[in-house]
Amino acid sequence: MSSNQYVYVMQRLSKAWPGGKEVLKNISLSFLPGAKIGVLGLNGAGKSTLFSIILGETTPDSGVVALERGAKIGFLPQESAPTGGESVIELV
């Protein structure tokens, strides 16, 4: 990790799906402790793929991904919905 104490670093990351559709190309991101992020973009721009890689669910084709030892990532999927009458805050 860098001396800036980033808890998550992604460097020069790329991902293409079968058939050659490139969704992410040469992406670099760094997050400081306590960061809260959101990603905006058009349908098919790679937002879900990006988060899937950050969460470790998808492997990039190239690039470096590093999570500081002991760091945790929290994620609230957009499909989350109260099921038992709880509020959104209770769900979170």
PDB file of N, CA and C in Angstrom:
ATOM      1  N   MET A   1       0.840  -1.191   0.000  1.00  0.00           N
ATOM      2  CA  MET A   1       0.000   0.000   0.000  1.00  0.00           C
ATOM      3  C   MET A   1       0.881   1.249   0.000  1.00  0.00           C
ATOM      4  N   SER A   2       0.292   2.330  -0.355  1.00  0.00           N
ATOM      5  CA  SER A   2       1.043   3.583  -0.413  1.00  0.00           C
ATOM      6  C   SER A   2       1.149   4.201   0.980  1.00  0.00           C
ATOM      7  N   SER A   3       1.993   5.190   1.103  1.00  0.00           N
ATOM      8  CA  SER A   3       2.180   5.855   2.390  1.00  0.00           C
ATOM      9  C   SER A   3       0.963   6.684   2.793  1.00  0.00           C
ATOM     10  N   ASN A   4      -0.003   6.890   1.875  1.00  0.00           N
ATOM     11  CA  ASN A   4      -1.207   7.650   2.202  1.00  0.00           C
ATOM     12  C   ASN A   4      -2.199   6.829   3.009  1.00  0.00           C
ATOM     13  N   GLN A   5      -1.889   5.561   3.277  1.00  0.00           N
ATOM     14  CA  GLN A   5      -2.741   4.688   4.074  1.00  0.00           C
ATOM     15  C   GLN A   5      -4.104   4.440   3.432  1.00  0.00           C
ATOM     16  N   TYR A   6      -4.121   4.245   2.135  1.00  0.00           N
ATOM     17  CA  TYR A   6      -5.355   3.848   1.467  1.00  0.00           C
ATOM     18  C   TYR A   6      -5.747   2.468   1.965  1.00  0.00           C
ATOM     19  N   VAL A   7      -7.028   2.242   2.168  1.00  0.00           N
ATOM     20  CA  VAL A   7      -7.478   0.928   2.609  1.00  0.00           C
ATOM     21  C   VAL A   7      -7.831   0.034   1.428  1.00  0.00           C
ATOM     22  N   TYR A   8      -8.044   0.663   0.265  1.00  0.00           N
ATOM     23  CA  TYR A   8      -8.346  -0.102  -0.940  1.00  0.00           C
ATOM     24  C   TYR A   8      -7.700   0.601  -2.125  1.00  0.00           C
ATOM     25  N   VAL A   9      -7.018  -0.180  -2.958  1.00  0.00           N
ATOM     26  CA  VAL A   9      -6.368   0.371  -4.143  1.00  0.00           C
ATOM     27  C   VAL A   9      -6.674  -0.532  -5.340  1.00  0.00           C
ATOM     28  N   MET A  10      -7.046   0.086  -6.432  1.00  0.00           N
ATOM     29  CA  MET A  10      -7.264  -0.603  -7.704  1.00  0.00           C
ATOM     30  C   MET A  10      -6.403   0.141  -8.729  1.00  0.00           C
ATOM     31  N   GLN A  11      -5.509  -0.579  -9.408  1.00  0.00           N
ATOM     32  CA  GLN A  11      -4.605   0.079 -10.363  1.00  0.00           C
ATOM     33  C   GLN A  11      -4.686  -0.591 -11.723  1.00  0.00           C
ATOM     34  N   ARG A  12      -4.947   0.225 -12.745  1.00  0.00           N
ATOM     35  CA  ARG A  12      -4.914  -0.191 -14.148  1.00  0.00           C
ATOM     36  C   ARG A  12      -5.733  -1.456 -14.401  1.00  0.00           C
ATOM     37  N   LEU A  13      -6.921  -1.483 -13.849  1.00  0.00           N
ATOM     38  CA  LEU A  13      -7.789  -2.653 -13.928  1.00  0.00           C
ATOM     39  C   LEU A  13      -8.603  -2.644 -15.222  1.00  0.00           C
ATOM     40  N   SER A  14      -8.733  -3.814 -15.840  1.00  0.00           N
ATOM     41  CA  SER A  14      -9.571  -3.974 -17.027  1.00  0.00           C
ATOM     42  C   SER A  14     -10.375  -5.255 -16.913  1.00  0.00           C
ATOM     43  N   LYS A  15     -11.563  -5.249 -17.522  1.00  0.00           N
ATOM     44  CA  LYS A  15     -12.426  -6.433 -17.526  1.00  0.00           C
ATOM     45  C   LYS A  15     -13.232  -6.445 -18.817  1.00  0.00           C
ATOM     46  N   ALA A  16     -13.211  -7.591 -19.497  1.00  0.00           N
ATOM     47  CA  ALA A  16     -14.027  -7.800 -20.688  1.00  0.00           C
ATOM     48  C   ALA A  16     -14.826  -9.078 -20.479  1.00  0.00           C
ATOM     49  N   TRP A  17     -16.020  -9.129 -21.014  1.00  0.00           N
ATOM     50  CA  TRP A  17     -16.872 -10.308 -20.912  1.00  0.00           C
ATOM     51  C   TRP A  17     -16.676 -11.188 -22.134  1.00  0.00           C
ATOM     52  N   PRO A  18     -17.079 -12.462 -22.065  1.00  0.00           N
ATOM     53  CA  PRO A  18     -16.960 -13.343 -23.233  1.00  0.00           C
ATOM     54  C   PRO A  18     -17.582 -12.672 -24.463  1.00  0.00           C
ATOM     55  N   GLY A  19     -16.933 -12.849 -25.577  1.00  0.00           N
ATOM     56  CA  GLY A  19     -17.366 -12.177 -26.792  1.00  0.00           C
ATOM     57  C   GLY A  19     -16.603 -10.885 -27.016  1.00  0.00           C
ATOM     58  N   GLY A  20     -15.788 -10.488 -26.020  1.00  0.00           N
ATOM     59  CA  GLY A  20     -14.926  -9.337 -26.180  1.00  0.00           C
ATOM     60  C   GLY A  20     -15.493  -8.002 -25.728  1.00  0.00           C
ATOM     61  N   LYS A  21     -16.712  -7.976 -25.147  1.00  0.00           N
ATOM     62  CA  LYS A  21     -17.279  -6.692 -24.699  1.00  0.00           C
ATOM     63  C   LYS A  21     -16.459  -6.172 -23.511  1.00  0.00           C
ATOM     64  N   GLU A  22     -15.729  -5.090 -23.755  1.00  0.00           N
ATOM     65  CA  GLU A  22     -14.896  -4.483 -22.717  1.00  0.00           C
ATOM     66  C   GLU A  22     -15.758  -3.552 -21.869  1.00  0.00           C
ATOM     67  N   VAL A  23     -15.866  -3.859 -20.557  1.00  0.00           N
ATOM     68  CA  VAL A  23     -16.697  -3.035 -19.678  1.00  0.00           C
ATOM     69  C   VAL A  23     -15.868  -2.062 -18.859  1.00  0.00           C
ATOM     70  N   LEU A  24     -14.691  -2.456 -18.481  1.00  0.00           N
ATOM     71  CA  LEU A  24     -13.793  -1.580 -17.723  1.00  0.00           C
ATOM     72  C   LEU A  24     -12.427  -1.601 -18.397  1.00  0.00           C
ATOM     73  N   LYS A  25     -11.832  -0.431 -18.544  1.00  0.00           N
ATOM     74  CA  LYS A  25     -10.525  -0.354 -19.200  1.00  0.00           C
ATOM     75  C   LYS A  25      -9.628   0.625 -18.456  1.00  0.00           C
ATOM     76  N   ASN A  26      -8.545   0.081 -17.905  1.00  0.00           N
ATOM     77  CA  ASN A  26      -7.493   0.896 -17.290  1.00  0.00           C
ATOM     78  C   ASN A  26      -8.028   1.790 -16.165  1.00  0.00           C
ATOM     79  N   ILE A  27      -8.802   1.204 -15.248  1.00  0.00           N
ATOM     80  CA  ILE A  27      -9.413   1.933 -14.135  1.00  0.00           C
ATOM     81  C   ILE A  27      -8.459   1.942 -12.933  1.00  0.00           C
ATOM     82  N   SER A  28      -8.300   3.099 -12.303  1.00  0.00           N
ATOM     83  CA  SER A  28      -7.509   3.209 -11.074  1.00  0.00           C
ATOM     84  C   SER A  28      -8.320   3.986 -10.043  1.00  0.00           C
ATOM     85  N   LEU A  29      -8.421   3.416  -8.824  1.00  0.00           N
ATOM     86  CA  LEU A  29      -9.155   4.032  -7.715  1.00  0.00           C
ATOM     87  C   LEU A  29      -8.381   3.793  -6.433  1.00  0.00           C
ATOM     88  N   SER A  30      -8.493   4.707  -5.479  1.00  0.00           N
ATOM     89  CA  SER A  30      -7.910   4.532  -4.144  1.00  0.00           C
ATOM     90  C   SER A  30      -8.881   5.122  -3.136  1.00  0.00           C
ATOM     91  N   PHE A  31      -9.123   4.392  -2.045  1.00  0.00           N
ATOM     92  CA  PHE A  31     -10.057   4.849  -1.019  1.00  0.00           C
ATOM     93  C   PHE A  31      -9.355   4.976   0.319  1.00  0.00           C
ATOM     94  N   LEU A  32      -9.591   6.100   0.976  1.00  0.00           N
ATOM     95  CA  LEU A  32      -9.072   6.318   2.321  1.00  0.00           C
ATOM     96  C   LEU A  32      -9.994   5.666   3.341  1.00  0.00           C
ATOM     97  N   PRO A  33      -9.526   5.432   4.566  1.00  0.00           N
ATOM     98  CA  PRO A  33     -10.377   4.840   5.591  1.00  0.00           C
ATOM     99  C   PRO A  33     -11.669   5.627   5.769  1.00  0.00           C
ATOM    100  N   GLY A  34     -12.785   4.917   5.909  1.00  0.00           N
ATOM    101  CA  GLY A  34     -14.082   5.541   6.137  1.00  0.00           C
ATOM    102  C   GLY A  34     -14.756   6.055   4.883  1.00  0.00           C
ATOM    103  N   ALA A  35     -14.166   5.811   3.727  1.00  0.00           N
ATOM    104  CA  ALA A  35     -14.740   6.313   2.468  1.00  0.00           C
ATOM    105  C   ALA A  35     -16.118   5.706   2.226  1.00  0.00           C
ATOM    106  N   LYS A  36     -16.992   6.520   1.702  1.00  0.00           N
ATOM    107  CA  LYS A  36     -18.308   6.076   1.259  1.00  0.00           C
ATOM    108  C   LYS A  36     -18.409   6.509  -0.191  1.00  0.00           C
ATOM    109  N   ILE A  37     -18.676   5.553  -1.077  1.00  0.00           N
ATOM    110  CA  ILE A  37     -18.667   5.893  -2.495  1.00  0.00           C
ATOM    111  C   ILE A  37     -19.986   5.525  -3.161  1.00  0.00           C
ATOM    112  N   GLY A  38     -20.259   6.196  -4.226  1.00  0.00           N
ATOM    113  CA  GLY A  38     -21.375   5.883  -5.103  1.00  0.00           C
ATOM    114  C   GLY A  38     -20.863   6.018  -6.522  1.00  0.00           C
ATOM    115  N   VAL A  39     -21.453   5.274  -7.422  1.00  0.00           N
ATOM    116  CA  VAL A  39     -21.023   5.305  -8.813  1.00  0.00           C
ATOM    117  C   VAL A  39     -22.236   5.561  -9.695  1.00  0.00           C
ATOM    118  N   LEU A  40     -22.115   6.531 -10.568  1.00  0.00           N
ATOM    119  CA  LEU A  40     -23.182   6.868 -11.510  1.00  0.00           C
ATOM    120  C   LEU A  40     -22.725   6.552 -12.919  1.00  0.00           C
ATOM    121  N   GLY A  41     -23.662   6.129 -13.754  1.00  0.00           N
ATOM    122  CA  GLY A  41     -23.330   5.871 -15.146  1.00  0.00           C
ATOM    123  C   GLY A  41     -24.511   5.287 -15.883  1.00  0.00           C
ATOM    124  N   LEU A  42     -24.400   5.262 -17.180  1.00  0.00           N
ATOM    125  CA  LEU A  42     -25.450   4.708 -18.025  1.00  0.00           C
ATOM    126  C   LEU A  42     -25.549   3.195 -17.856  1.00  0.00           C
ATOM    127  N   ASN A  43     -26.675   2.624 -18.264  1.00  0.00           N
ATOM    128  CA  ASN A  43     -26.817   1.173 -18.270  1.00  0.00           C
ATOM    129  C   ASN A  43     -25.702   0.567 -19.113  1.00  0.00           C
ATOM    130  N   GLY A  44     -25.087  -0.491 -18.591  1.00  0.00           N
ATOM    131  CA  GLY A  44     -24.024  -1.165 -19.324  1.00  0.00           C
ATOM    132  C   GLY A  44     -22.665  -0.522 -19.217  1.00  0.00           C
ATOM    133  N   ALA A  45     -22.548   0.512 -18.398  1.00  0.00           N
ATOM    134  CA  ALA A  45     -21.272   1.227 -18.275  1.00  0.00           C
ATOM    135  C   ALA A  45     -20.248   0.483 -17.413  1.00  0.00           C
ATOM    136  N   GLY A  46     -20.684  -0.533 -16.659  1.00  0.00           N
ATOM    137  CA  GLY A  46     -19.756  -1.314 -15.848  1.00  0.00           C
ATOM    138  C   GLY A  46     -19.854  -1.065 -14.358  1.00  0.00           C
ATOM    139  N   LYS A  47     -20.899  -0.384 -13.898  1.00  0.00           N
ATOM    140  CA  LYS A  47     -21.038  -0.070 -12.461  1.00  0.00           C
ATOM    141  C   LYS A  47     -21.127  -1.347 -11.624  1.00  0.00           C
ATOM    142  N   SER A  48     -22.002  -2.251 -12.001  1.00  0.00           N
ATOM    143  CA  SER A  48     -22.167  -3.500 -11.240  1.00  0.00           C
ATOM    144  C   SER A  48     -20.908  -4.351 -11.304  1.00  0.00           C
ATOM    145  N   THR A  49     -20.252  -4.372 -12.459  1.00  0.00           N
ATOM    146  CA  THR A  49     -18.999  -5.120 -12.601  1.00  0.00           C
ATOM    147  C   THR A  49     -17.928  -4.528 -11.693  1.00  0.00           C
ATOM    148  N   LEU A  50     -17.846  -3.203 -11.638  1.00  0.00           N
ATOM    149  CA  LEU A  50     -16.877  -2.542 -10.775  1.00  0.00           C
ATOM    150  C   LEU A  50     -17.083  -2.951  -9.318  1.00  0.00           C
ATOM    151  N   PHE A  51     -18.325  -2.881  -8.843  1.00  0.00           N
ATOM    152  CA  PHE A  51     -18.587  -3.259  -7.453  1.00  0.00           C
ATOM    153  C   PHE A  51     -18.361  -4.749  -7.214  1.00  0.00           C
ATOM    154  N   SER A  52     -18.668  -5.575  -8.193  1.00  0.00           N
ATOM    155  CA  SER A  52     -18.422  -7.004  -8.072  1.00  0.00           C
ATOM    156  C   SER A  52     -16.929  -7.290  -7.906  1.00  0.00           C
ATOM    157  N   ILE A  53     -16.094  -6.532  -8.597  1.00  0.00           N
ATOM    158  CA  ILE A  53     -14.639  -6.674  -8.450  1.00  0.00           C
ATOM    159  C   ILE A  53     -14.193  -6.157  -7.088  1.00  0.00           C
ATOM    160  N   ILE A  54     -14.705  -4.998  -6.669  1.00  0.00           N
ATOM    161  CA  ILE A  54     -14.356  -4.443  -5.357  1.00  0.00           C
ATOM    162  C   ILE A  54     -14.711  -5.429  -4.245  1.00  0.00           C
ATOM    163  N   LEU A  55     -15.854  -6.107  -4.379  1.00  0.00           N
ATOM    164  CA  LEU A  55     -16.301  -7.071  -3.373  1.00  0.00           C
ATOM    165  C   LEU A  55     -15.588  -8.411  -3.468  1.00  0.00           C
ATOM    166  N   GLY A  56     -14.788  -8.609  -4.515  1.00  0.00           N
ATOM    167  CA  GLY A  56     -14.065  -9.865  -4.678  1.00  0.00           C
ATOM    168  C   GLY A  56     -14.892 -10.972  -5.307  1.00  0.00           C
ATOM    169  N   GLU A  57     -16.034 -10.642  -5.877  1.00  0.00           N
ATOM    170  CA  GLU A  57     -16.906 -11.645  -6.504  1.00  0.00           C
ATOM    171  C   GLU A  57     -16.503 -11.930  -7.951  1.00  0.00           C
ATOM    172  N   THR A  58     -15.834 -10.979  -8.592  1.00  0.00           N
ATOM    173  CA  THR A  58     -15.407 -11.099  -9.982  1.00  0.00           C
ATOM    174  C   THR A  58     -13.916 -10.793 -10.063  1.00  0.00           C
ATOM    175  N   THR A  59     -13.214 -11.554 -10.886  1.00  0.00           N
ATOM    176  CA  THR A  59     -11.776 -11.354 -11.062  1.00  0.00           C
ATOM    177  C   THR A  59     -11.521 -10.495 -12.293  1.00  0.00           C
ATOM    178  N   PRO A  60     -10.714  -9.452 -12.166  1.00  0.00           N
ATOM    179  CA  PRO A  60     -10.396  -8.625 -13.333  1.00  0.00           C
ATOM    180  C   PRO A  60      -9.495  -9.395 -14.304  1.00  0.00           C
ATOM    181  N   ASP A  61      -9.504  -8.993 -15.561  1.00  0.00           N
ATOM    182  CA  ASP A  61      -8.618  -9.602 -16.561  1.00  0.00           C
ATOM    183  C   ASP A  61      -7.186  -9.126 -16.388  1.00  0.00           C
ATOM    184  N   SER A  62      -7.020  -7.881 -15.940  1.00  0.00           N
ATOM    185  CA  SER A  62      -5.686  -7.341 -15.700  1.00  0.00           C
ATOM    186  C   SER A  62      -5.791  -6.247 -14.652  1.00  0.00           C
ATOM    187  N   GLY A  63      -4.647  -5.909 -14.082  1.00  0.00           N
ATOM    188  CA  GLY A  63      -4.608  -4.863 -13.072  1.00  0.00           C
ATOM    189  C   GLY A  63      -4.362  -5.425 -11.689  1.00  0.00           C
ATOM    190  N   VAL A  64      -4.263  -4.529 -10.737  1.00  0.00           N
ATOM    191  CA  VAL A  64      -3.961  -4.878  -9.348  1.00  0.00           C
ATOM    192  C   VAL A  64      -5.087  -4.389  -8.451  1.00  0.00           C
ATOM    193  N   VAL A  65      -5.512  -5.253  -7.533  1.00  0.00           N
ATOM    194  CA  VAL A  65      -6.516  -4.901  -6.536  1.00  0.00           C
ATOM    195  C   VAL A  65      -5.933  -5.261  -5.176  1.00  0.00           C
ATOM    196  N   ALA A  66      -5.951  -4.323  -4.227  1.00  0.00           N
ATOM    197  CA  ALA A  66      -5.396  -4.592  -2.899  1.00  0.00           C
ATOM    198  C   ALA A  66      -6.292  -3.986  -1.825  1.00  0.00           C
ATOM    199  N   LEU A  67      -6.670  -4.817  -0.867  1.00  0.00           N
ATOM    200  CA  LEU A  67      -7.437  -4.390   0.306  1.00  0.00           C
ATOM    201  C   LEU A  67      -6.520  -4.523   1.510  1.00  0.00           C
ATOM    202  N   GLU A  68      -6.407  -3.452   2.288  1.00  0.00           N
ATOM    203  CA  GLU A  68      -5.539  -3.475   3.466  1.00  0.00           C
ATOM    204  C   GLU A  68      -5.962  -4.598   4.410  1.00  0.00           C
ATOM    205  N   ARG A  69      -4.999  -5.273   4.970  1.00  0.00           N
ATOM    206  CA  ARG A  69      -5.273  -6.362   5.916  1.00  0.00           C
ATOM    207  C   ARG A  69      -6.150  -5.855   7.051  1.00  0.00           C
ATOM    208  N   GLY A  70      -7.219  -6.576   7.334  1.00  0.00           N
ATOM    209  CA  GLY A  70      -8.133  -6.223   8.412  1.00  0.00           C
ATOM    210  C   GLY A  70      -9.244  -5.264   7.997  1.00  0.00           C
ATOM    211  N   ALA A  71      -9.139  -4.687   6.800  1.00  0.00           N
ATOM    212  CA  ALA A  71     -10.184  -3.763   6.331  1.00  0.00           C
ATOM    213  C   ALA A  71     -11.415  -4.555   5.906  1.00  0.00           C
ATOM    214  N   LYS A  72     -12.570  -3.948   6.055  1.00  0.00           N
ATOM    215  CA  LYS A  72     -13.828  -4.587   5.677  1.00  0.00           C
ATOM    216  C   LYS A  72     -14.579  -3.680   4.712  1.00  0.00           C
ATOM    217  N   ILE A  73     -15.290  -4.310   3.796  1.00  0.00           N
ATOM    218  CA  ILE A  73     -16.107  -3.581   2.834  1.00  0.00           C
ATOM    219  C   ILE A  73     -17.567  -3.889   3.126  1.00  0.00           C
ATOM    220  N   GLY A  74     -18.359  -2.840   3.279  1.00  0.00           N
ATOM    221  CA  GLY A  74     -19.802  -2.997   3.437  1.00  0.00           C
ATOM    222  C   GLY A  74     -20.475  -2.627   2.126  1.00  0.00           C
ATOM    223  N   PHE A  75     -21.535  -3.332   1.780  1.00  0.00           N
ATOM    224  CA  PHE A  75     -22.204  -3.092   0.509  1.00  0.00           C
ATOM    225  C   PHE A  75     -23.701  -3.289   0.694  1.00  0.00           C
ATOM    226  N   LEU A  76     -24.475  -2.328   0.240  1.00  0.00           N
ATOM    227  CA  LEU A  76     -25.930  -2.431   0.283  1.00  0.00           C
ATOM    228  C   LEU A  76     -26.421  -2.488  -1.153  1.00  0.00           C
ATOM    229  N   PRO A  77     -26.829  -3.678  -1.635  1.00  0.00           N
ATOM    230  CA  PRO A  77     -27.278  -3.779  -3.019  1.00  0.00           C
ATOM    231  C   PRO A  77     -28.561  -3.001  -3.246  1.00  0.00           C
ATOM    232  N   GLN A  78     -28.724  -2.483  -4.454  1.00  0.00           N
ATOM    233  CA  GLN A  78     -29.901  -1.679  -4.754  1.00  0.00           C
ATOM    234  C   GLN A  78     -31.170  -2.504  -4.720  1.00  0.00           C
ATOM    235  N   GLU A  79     -31.059  -3.828  -4.824  1.00  0.00           N
ATOM    236  CA  GLU A  79     -32.235  -4.685  -4.790  1.00  0.00           C
ATOM    237  C   GLU A  79     -32.751  -4.911  -3.369  1.00  0.00           C
ATOM    238  N   SER A  80     -32.016  -4.440  -2.357  1.00  0.00           N
ATOM    239  CA  SER A  80     -32.437  -4.620  -0.974  1.00  0.00           C
ATOM    240  C   SER A  80     -33.778  -3.949  -0.750  1.00  0.00           C
ATOM    241  N   ALA A  81     -34.649  -4.654  -0.074  1.00  0.00           N
ATOM    242  CA  ALA A  81     -35.962  -4.092   0.229  1.00  0.00           C
ATOM    243  C   ALA A  81     -36.445  -4.676   1.547  1.00  0.00           C
ATOM    244  N   PRO A  82     -37.118  -3.879   2.344  1.00  0.00           N
ATOM    245  CA  PRO A  82     -37.683  -4.410   3.583  1.00  0.00           C
ATOM    246  C   PRO A  82     -38.632  -5.564   3.267  1.00  0.00           C
ATOM    247  N   THR A  83     -38.544  -6.633   4.065  1.00  0.00           N
ATOM    248  CA  THR A  83     -39.403  -7.798   3.818  1.00  0.00           C
ATOM    249  C   THR A  83     -40.355  -8.078   4.971  1.00  0.00           C
ATOM    250  N   GLY A  84     -39.987  -7.673   6.172  1.00  0.00           N
ATOM    251  CA  GLY A  84     -40.803  -7.983   7.319  1.00  0.00           C
ATOM    252  C   GLY A  84     -41.386  -6.748   7.997  1.00  0.00           C
ATOM    253  N   GLY A  85     -41.586  -5.689   7.236  1.00  0.00           N
ATOM    254  CA  GLY A  85     -42.152  -4.480   7.802  1.00  0.00           C
ATOM    255  C   GLY A  85     -41.113  -3.553   8.399  1.00  0.00           C
ATOM    256  N   GLU A  86     -39.820  -3.905   8.316  1.00  0.00           N
ATOM    257  CA  GLU A  86     -38.785  -3.026   8.872  1.00  0.00           C
ATOM    258  C   GLU A  86     -38.570  -1.815   7.956  1.00  0.00           C
ATOM    259  N   SER A  87     -38.059  -0.761   8.550  1.00  0.00           N
ATOM    260  CA  SER A  87     -37.760   0.440   7.768  1.00  0.00           C
ATOM    261  C   SER A  87     -36.460   0.232   6.992  1.00  0.00           C
ATOM    262  N   VAL A  88     -36.183   1.112   6.057  1.00  0.00           N
ATOM    263  CA  VAL A  88     -34.933   1.040   5.306  1.00  0.00           C
ATOM    264  C   VAL A  88     -33.751   1.190   6.250  1.00  0.00           C
ATOM    265  N   ILE A  89     -33.855   2.097   7.208  1.00  0.00           N
ATOM    266  CA  ILE A  89     -32.760   2.275   8.199  1.00  0.00           C
ATOM    267  C   ILE A  89     -32.532   0.990   8.981  1.00  0.00           C
ATOM    268  N   GLU A  90     -33.590   0.316   9.392  1.00  0.00           N
ATOM    269  CA  GLU A  90     -33.439  -0.962  10.103  1.00  0.00           C
ATOM    270  C   GLU A  90     -32.797  -2.023   9.209  1.00  0.00           C
ATOM    271  N   LEU A  91     -33.132  -2.015   7.941  1.00  0.00           N
ATOM    272  CA  LEU A  91     -32.562  -2.954   6.988  1.00  0.00           C
ATOM    273  C   LEU A  91     -31.050  -2.736   6.858  1.00  0.00           C
ATOM    274  N   VAL A  92     -30.648  -1.469   6.780  1.00  0.00           N
ATOM    275  CA  VAL A  92     -29.233  -1.133   6.647  1.00  0.00           C
ATOM    276  C   VAL A  92     -28.505  -1.533   7.915  1.00  0.00           C
TER     277      VAL A  92
END
